Amino acid sequence: MALPTTMTCIEIRQPGPVEGMLPGQRPLAEPGTGEVLIEVAAAGVNRPDVLQRQGGYPPPAGASDIPGLEVAGRIAALGEGVTGLAIGQSVCALVSGGGYAQYCVAAAPLCLPFPRGYDAVRAAALPETFFTVWHNVFQRARLQPGESFLVHGGSSGIGTAAIQLAKAFGAKVFTTAGNAEKCQACRTLGADRAIDYKNEDFAEVILAETGGRGVDVILDMVGGDYLPRNIRSLAADGRHVSIAFLRGPRAEMNFLPVMLKRLTLTGSTLRPQSVANKAAIASDLAAKVWPLLDAGRVAPLIAATFPLTEAAKAHCLMESSAHIGKIILSVNIGQAI
């Protein structure tokens, strides 16, 4: 297919408020060895994008400075050595940056097909969220059927995916959310108990609901003063995974319960990991999660869609936390997918 020499993208011209993030023009991205060029139809908006815009989450070495960690569209060009993919094929992909643009380079092993019946908007809601949940909840924390699971921020993109996946794989699911509407949305997605953290103490609720035992796995994106209460909420041999710190990365904690209950505290960030590590996650997702998406047993919840040029408005919604589910940017949405 004929390709342009330039592309429209969103640039962070001044780190800080949304006013510093503006549309711009860049030379067309070019795929390297083992990479593909995707003509982007839609791109996901995630909390790390907001942190990057604010100046607190710089892209790793070699990654694009254009924000955006997940895209969906069709392959426009193949880099050297790429096999198993074809020009014109519809894919969604996890990327290390560059998603807020008309074209984006992605590592070939991190491209996955659209689930059955999906358009680009729904497919763009998958990679960052599902890679993150699968890696942390199922690979790192080893959640097993019959165990109990707590995810904070249940109405977020991560939370809505975590609730559905944990339930689909046989766990009892608890979550926290900020109001009655969000709690109801979490229950609709499969949460056994949604806790309104503004009116209830989640640790007290967890202990009451589990007969004092606690839960087996916690996925935490809040940090700060949640950490001691998370420790209290874990069962013996429980696993705690940190993926973000909305209330800050520091807390004063009593580590004696960690020893007495034989707890495991871990965490990760996805973006800086090697392509090989992320490819292993992609392989797991293709085998174990994509069939659930194909069958409609699990699905992303889309809160809002904005044109690429209104990325600043999308960030404002993200920062307000008023949304339930994923926020998506539509890019070349008229392309045939």
Protein backbone atom coordinates (compact mmCIF):
# COMPACT_ATOMS: atom_id res chain seq x y z
CA MET A 1 0.00 0.00 0.00
CA ALA A 2 1.15 3.56 -0.66
CA LEU A 3 2.40 5.20 2.54
CA PRO A 4 2.66 8.92 3.36
CA THR A 5 5.95 10.52 4.38
CA THR A 6 4.52 12.27 7.43
CA MET A 7 1.90 11.47 10.04
CA THR A 8 -0.26 13.32 12.54
CA CYS A 9 0.52 12.56 16.17
CA ILE A 10 0.14 13.98 19.66
CA GLU A 11 3.28 15.59 21.06
CA ILE A 12 4.11 16.43 24.66
CA ARG A 13 5.64 19.82 23.99
CA GLN A 14 5.66 20.93 27.63
CA PRO A 15 5.45 18.38 30.45
CA GLY A 16 2.71 19.19 32.93
CA PRO A 17 -0.93 20.20 32.32
CA VAL A 18 -2.90 18.97 29.32
CA GLU A 19 -2.34 22.29 27.52
CA GLY A 20 1.21 21.13 26.78
CA MET A 21 0.00 18.12 24.77
CA LEU A 22 -0.85 19.15 21.20
CA PRO A 23 -1.28 17.68 17.70
CA GLY A 24 1.82 17.79 15.51
CA GLN A 25 3.44 16.30 12.42
CA ARG A 26 6.28 13.79 12.42
CA PRO A 27 8.11 11.80 9.75
CA LEU A 28 6.46 8.45 9.18
CA ALA A 29 7.71 5.84 11.64
CA GLU A 30 9.67 2.97 10.05
CA PRO A 31 9.73 -0.63 11.29
CA GLY A 32 13.08 -2.18 12.14
CA THR A 33 14.09 -5.81 12.24
CA GLY A 34 11.36 -7.90 13.85
CA GLU A 35 8.89 -5.00 13.81
CA VAL A 36 5.78 -4.00 11.88
CA LEU A 37 4.28 -0.64 11.02
CA ILE A 38 0.61 -0.37 12.01
CA GLU A 39 -1.81 2.10 10.44
CA VAL A 40 -3.57 2.98 13.67
CA ALA A 41 -7.37 3.00 13.75
CA ALA A 42 -7.68 3.41 17.52
CA ALA A 43 -5.38 3.77 20.53
CA GLY A 44 -5.96 3.19 24.23
CA VAL A 45 -5.48 5.87 26.89
CA ASN A 46 -3.88 4.70 30.14
CA ARG A 47 -2.69 6.14 33.45
CA PRO A 48 0.98 5.83 32.43
CA ASP A 49 0.23 8.18 29.51
CA VAL A 50 -0.93 10.80 32.01
CA LEU A 51 2.19 10.29 34.11
CA GLN A 52 4.35 10.66 31.01
CA ARG A 53 2.57 13.88 30.06
CA GLN A 54 3.16 15.20 33.57
CA GLY A 55 6.86 14.42 33.30
CA GLY A 56 6.89 11.53 35.77
CA TYR A 57 7.21 8.51 33.47
CA PRO A 58 9.78 9.00 30.70
CA PRO A 59 9.82 6.48 27.84
CA PRO A 60 12.50 3.80 28.04
CA ALA A 61 15.62 4.07 25.90
CA GLY A 62 14.83 3.67 22.22
CA ALA A 63 11.07 4.13 22.61
CA SER A 64 9.08 6.87 20.90
CA ASP A 65 8.45 10.01 22.94
CA ILE A 66 4.90 10.08 21.53
CA PRO A 67 2.54 8.80 24.25
CA GLY A 68 0.37 5.72 23.82
CA LEU A 69 0.99 2.12 24.87
CA GLU A 70 -1.62 0.16 22.90
CA VAL A 71 -3.02 0.39 19.39
CA ALA A 72 -5.30 -1.41 16.97
CA GLY A 73 -5.32 -1.17 13.19
CA ARG A 74 -3.91 -2.89 10.16
CA ILE A 75 -0.35 -3.74 9.25
CA ALA A 76 1.02 -1.27 6.72
CA ALA A 77 4.62 -2.53 6.40
CA LEU A 78 6.81 -5.40 7.61
CA GLY A 79 10.32 -5.03 8.95
CA GLU A 80 13.10 -7.45 8.10
CA GLY A 81 12.70 -10.96 9.46
CA VAL A 82 8.99 -10.74 10.28
CA THR A 83 7.07 -13.93 9.59
CA GLY A 84 3.52 -15.02 10.37
CA LEU A 85 2.05 -11.55 9.78
CA ALA A 86 0.89 -9.92 6.54
CA ILE A 87 0.35 -6.44 5.19
CA GLY A 88 -3.32 -5.54 5.57
CA GLN A 89 -3.85 -7.86 8.55
CA SER A 90 -5.85 -6.44 11.46
CA VAL A 91 -3.98 -6.56 14.77
CA CYS A 92 -3.87 -4.95 18.17
CA ALA A 93 -0.48 -4.48 19.78
CA LEU A 94 1.31 -3.55 22.96
CA VAL A 95 3.87 -0.81 22.26
CA SER A 96 6.43 1.06 24.37
CA GLY A 97 5.27 4.43 23.02
CA GLY A 98 4.01 6.06 19.86
CA GLY A 99 0.36 5.00 20.04
CA TYR A 100 -1.14 8.49 19.77
CA ALA A 101 -0.40 8.72 16.05
CA GLN A 102 -1.67 7.72 12.62
CA TYR A 103 1.08 5.13 12.33
CA CYS A 104 2.95 3.25 15.03
CA VAL A 105 5.79 0.70 15.10
CA ALA A 106 5.24 -2.48 17.11
CA ALA A 107 7.33 -5.55 17.83
CA ALA A 108 5.89 -8.38 15.77
CA PRO A 109 5.61 -10.85 18.72
CA LEU A 110 3.44 -8.32 20.59
CA CYS A 111 0.78 -8.19 17.87
CA LEU A 112 -2.40 -10.18 18.45
CA PRO A 113 -5.42 -10.66 16.15
CA PHE A 114 -8.71 -8.91 16.73
CA PRO A 115 -10.99 -11.19 18.74
CA ARG A 116 -14.01 -12.48 16.84
CA GLY A 117 -16.47 -9.68 16.01
CA TYR A 118 -14.27 -6.88 17.36
CA ASP A 119 -13.80 -3.50 15.73
CA ALA A 120 -10.69 -1.39 16.20
CA VAL A 121 -12.04 0.55 19.19
CA ARG A 122 -12.72 -2.60 21.20
CA ALA A 123 -9.45 -4.22 20.12
CA ALA A 124 -7.45 -1.12 21.15
CA ALA A 125 -8.80 -1.52 24.68
CA LEU A 126 -7.08 -4.88 25.14
CA PRO A 127 -3.25 -4.92 25.03
CA GLU A 128 -1.99 -2.74 27.88
CA THR A 129 -4.76 -3.81 30.22
CA PHE A 130 -4.80 -7.53 29.51
CA PHE A 131 -1.00 -7.87 29.35
CA THR A 132 -0.79 -6.12 32.74
CA VAL A 133 -3.49 -8.17 34.43
CA TRP A 134 -2.32 -11.50 33.07
CA HIS A 135 1.32 -10.91 33.96
CA ASN A 136 0.68 -9.67 37.49
CA VAL A 137 -2.35 -11.64 38.64
CA PHE A 138 -1.75 -14.97 36.91
CA GLN A 139 2.00 -15.15 36.23
CA ARG A 140 3.45 -13.31 39.23
CA ALA A 141 0.74 -13.87 41.86
CA ARG A 142 -0.28 -17.30 40.51
CA LEU A 143 -4.01 -16.90 41.19
CA GLN A 144 -5.62 -20.35 41.21
CA PRO A 145 -9.20 -21.58 40.75
CA GLY A 146 -11.04 -21.55 44.07
CA GLU A 147 -8.88 -18.79 45.55
CA SER A 148 -10.07 -15.31 46.54
CA PHE A 149 -8.93 -12.11 44.86
CA LEU A 150 -9.14 -8.38 45.62
CA VAL A 151 -8.51 -5.73 42.99
CA HIS A 152 -8.57 -2.07 43.89
CA GLY A 153 -9.98 0.42 41.40
CA GLY A 154 -12.48 -2.07 40.04
CA SER A 155 -14.10 0.41 37.64
CA SER A 156 -10.82 1.30 35.91
CA GLY A 157 -9.62 -0.33 32.70
CA ILE A 158 -7.32 -2.59 34.72
CA GLY A 159 -10.00 -3.28 37.30
CA THR A 160 -12.74 -4.21 34.84
CA ALA A 161 -10.39 -6.63 33.09
CA ALA A 162 -9.09 -8.12 36.35
CA ILE A 163 -12.59 -8.76 37.69
CA GLN A 164 -13.63 -10.61 34.55
CA LEU A 165 -10.46 -12.65 34.16
CA ALA A 166 -10.29 -13.67 37.82
CA LYS A 167 -13.94 -14.73 37.72
CA ALA A 168 -13.49 -16.59 34.42
CA PHE A 169 -10.64 -18.59 35.94
CA GLY A 170 -12.63 -19.60 39.00
CA ALA A 171 -11.74 -17.11 41.72
CA LYS A 172 -14.00 -15.37 44.22
CA VAL A 173 -13.66 -11.68 43.40
CA PHE A 174 -13.69 -8.65 45.67
CA THR A 175 -13.13 -5.10 44.48
CA THR A 176 -13.19 -1.49 45.65
CA ALA A 177 -14.80 1.41 43.82
CA GLY A 178 -15.70 5.01 44.59
CA ASN A 179 -19.50 5.18 44.40
CA ALA A 180 -22.67 3.12 44.07
CA GLU A 181 -22.74 3.32 40.27
CA LYS A 182 -19.19 2.03 39.98
CA CYS A 183 -19.85 -0.72 42.51
CA GLN A 184 -22.89 -1.85 40.52
CA ALA A 185 -20.81 -1.92 37.31
CA CYS A 186 -18.26 -4.12 39.07
CA ARG A 187 -20.95 -6.53 40.24
CA THR A 188 -22.35 -6.70 36.72
CA LEU A 189 -18.89 -7.71 35.48
CA GLY A 190 -18.74 -10.53 38.00
CA ALA A 191 -17.46 -9.17 41.31
CA ASP A 192 -18.90 -11.14 44.24
CA ARG A 193 -18.57 -8.12 46.53
CA ALA A 194 -17.94 -4.52 45.53
CA ILE A 195 -16.80 -2.29 48.38
CA ASP A 196 -17.52 1.46 48.33
CA TYR A 197 -14.19 2.62 49.73
CA LYS A 198 -15.57 6.08 50.55
CA ASN A 199 -18.15 4.62 52.93
CA GLU A 200 -16.68 1.27 53.95
CA ASP A 201 -13.32 0.10 55.32
CA PHE A 202 -12.26 -2.49 52.74
CA ALA A 203 -10.07 -4.38 55.21
CA GLU A 204 -12.95 -4.80 57.65
CA VAL A 205 -15.26 -5.94 54.85
CA ILE A 206 -12.73 -8.46 53.50
CA LEU A 207 -12.16 -10.00 56.91
CA ALA A 208 -15.88 -10.15 57.61
CA GLU A 209 -16.68 -11.69 54.22
CA THR A 210 -13.94 -14.32 54.55
CA GLY A 211 -14.53 -15.26 58.17
CA GLY A 212 -11.30 -13.58 59.24
CA ARG A 213 -9.18 -15.51 56.74
CA GLY A 214 -8.45 -12.78 54.19
CA VAL A 215 -7.91 -13.08 50.44
CA ASP A 216 -5.24 -15.01 48.57
CA VAL A 217 -4.21 -12.33 46.05
CA ILE A 218 -4.41 -8.52 45.97
CA LEU A 219 -3.75 -6.41 42.88
CA ASP A 220 -3.01 -2.89 44.11
CA MET A 221 -2.67 0.31 42.09
CA VAL A 222 -3.26 2.68 45.02
CA GLY A 223 -0.32 2.26 47.38
CA GLY A 224 0.19 4.75 50.19
CA ASP A 225 -2.05 4.11 53.18
CA TYR A 226 -3.69 1.16 51.42
CA LEU A 227 -0.56 -0.95 51.86
CA PRO A 228 -0.88 -1.71 55.61
CA ARG A 229 -4.58 -2.49 55.15
CA ASN A 230 -3.75 -4.75 52.22
CA ILE A 231 -1.35 -6.72 54.43
CA ARG A 232 -4.11 -7.05 57.01
CA SER A 233 -6.51 -8.26 54.29
CA LEU A 234 -4.26 -11.07 53.02
CA ALA A 235 -4.67 -14.70 54.02
CA ALA A 236 -1.77 -16.91 55.05
CA ASP A 237 0.55 -17.48 52.07
CA GLY A 238 -1.17 -14.56 50.31
CA ARG A 239 0.40 -12.65 47.43
CA HIS A 240 0.37 -8.88 47.02
CA VAL A 241 1.16 -7.27 43.66
CA SER A 242 1.79 -3.53 43.24
CA ILE A 243 1.41 -2.00 39.78
CA ALA A 244 0.90 1.72 40.55
CA PHE A 245 0.82 4.19 43.43
CA LEU A 246 -2.07 6.64 43.11
CA ARG A 247 -1.59 7.54 46.79
CA GLY A 248 2.19 7.44 46.64
CA PRO A 249 4.89 4.75 46.90
CA ARG A 250 5.68 5.24 50.59
CA ALA A 251 3.95 3.82 53.65
CA GLU A 252 4.80 2.99 57.25
CA MET A 253 4.18 -0.71 57.76
CA ASN A 254 4.52 -3.41 60.37
CA PHE A 255 6.28 -6.27 58.57
CA LEU A 256 5.64 -8.84 61.32
CA PRO A 257 2.40 -10.02 59.63
CA VAL A 258 4.38 -10.56 56.43
CA MET A 259 6.54 -13.04 58.28
CA LEU A 260 3.80 -14.63 60.36
CA LYS A 261 1.49 -15.14 57.36
CA ARG A 262 4.34 -16.02 54.97
CA LEU A 263 3.23 -13.33 52.52
CA THR A 264 4.78 -12.56 49.15
CA LEU A 265 5.08 -8.90 48.16
CA THR A 266 5.90 -8.27 44.53
CA GLY A 267 5.18 -5.86 41.70
CA SER A 268 6.15 -4.88 38.20
CA THR A 269 6.05 -2.28 35.47
CA LEU A 270 5.33 -3.54 31.97
CA ARG A 271 6.78 -0.88 29.69
CA PRO A 272 10.54 -1.35 30.38
CA GLN A 273 10.45 -5.15 30.11
CA SER A 274 12.18 -6.84 27.20
CA VAL A 275 10.33 -7.82 24.04
CA ALA A 276 11.08 -11.45 24.94
CA ASN A 277 9.38 -11.11 28.32
CA LYS A 278 6.36 -9.40 26.81
CA ALA A 279 6.23 -11.95 23.99
CA ALA A 280 5.87 -14.69 26.61
CA ILE A 281 2.86 -12.84 28.03
CA ALA A 282 1.42 -12.44 24.53
CA SER A 283 1.77 -16.17 23.92
CA ASP A 284 -0.09 -16.95 27.14
CA LEU A 285 -2.84 -14.48 26.26
CA ALA A 286 -3.29 -15.97 22.79
CA ALA A 287 -3.65 -19.46 24.23
CA LYS A 288 -5.68 -18.80 27.38
CA VAL A 289 -7.46 -15.43 27.15
CA TRP A 290 -8.18 -14.77 23.47
CA PRO A 291 -10.53 -17.80 23.34
CA LEU A 292 -12.53 -16.18 26.16
CA LEU A 293 -12.70 -12.93 24.19
CA ASP A 294 -13.71 -14.81 21.03
CA ALA A 295 -16.51 -16.48 22.96
CA GLY A 296 -17.71 -13.27 24.60
CA ARG A 297 -17.03 -14.57 28.12
CA VAL A 298 -14.71 -11.62 28.76
CA ALA A 299 -14.88 -8.21 27.07
CA PRO A 300 -13.45 -4.72 27.53
CA LEU A 301 -15.78 -2.06 28.84
CA ILE A 302 -15.50 1.16 26.80
CA ALA A 303 -16.21 4.34 28.76
CA ALA A 304 -15.62 6.97 26.06
CA THR A 305 -14.01 7.55 22.68
CA PHE A 306 -12.34 10.80 21.57
CA PRO A 307 -10.78 11.82 18.24
CA LEU A 308 -6.97 11.73 18.26
CA THR A 309 -6.82 15.53 18.15
CA GLU A 310 -8.83 15.67 21.40
CA ALA A 311 -6.35 13.60 23.39
CA ALA A 312 -6.20 16.38 25.99
CA LYS A 313 -9.93 15.90 26.70
CA ALA A 314 -9.34 12.17 27.08
CA HIS A 315 -6.62 12.88 29.65
CA CYS A 316 -8.94 15.21 31.55
CA LEU A 317 -11.50 12.41 31.81
CA MET A 318 -8.82 9.96 32.92
CA GLU A 319 -7.63 12.33 35.65
CA SER A 320 -11.19 12.94 36.85
CA SER A 321 -11.69 9.20 37.52
CA ALA A 322 -15.33 9.69 36.50
CA HIS A 323 -15.15 6.98 33.83
CA ILE A 324 -15.98 3.28 34.10
CA GLY A 325 -13.76 1.15 31.85
CA LYS A 326 -11.42 2.16 29.03
CA ILE A 327 -10.90 5.49 27.25
CA ILE A 328 -10.04 5.23 23.55
CA LEU A 329 -8.73 7.61 20.88
CA SER A 330 -10.11 7.12 17.37
CA VAL A 331 -7.46 7.76 14.73
CA ASN A 332 -7.90 6.43 11.16
CA ILE A 333 -11.25 5.03 12.21
CA GLY A 334 -12.60 5.02 8.65
CA GLN A 335 -10.15 2.37 7.47
CA ALA A 336 -11.63 -0.99 6.58
CA ILE A 337 -11.07 -3.33 9.52
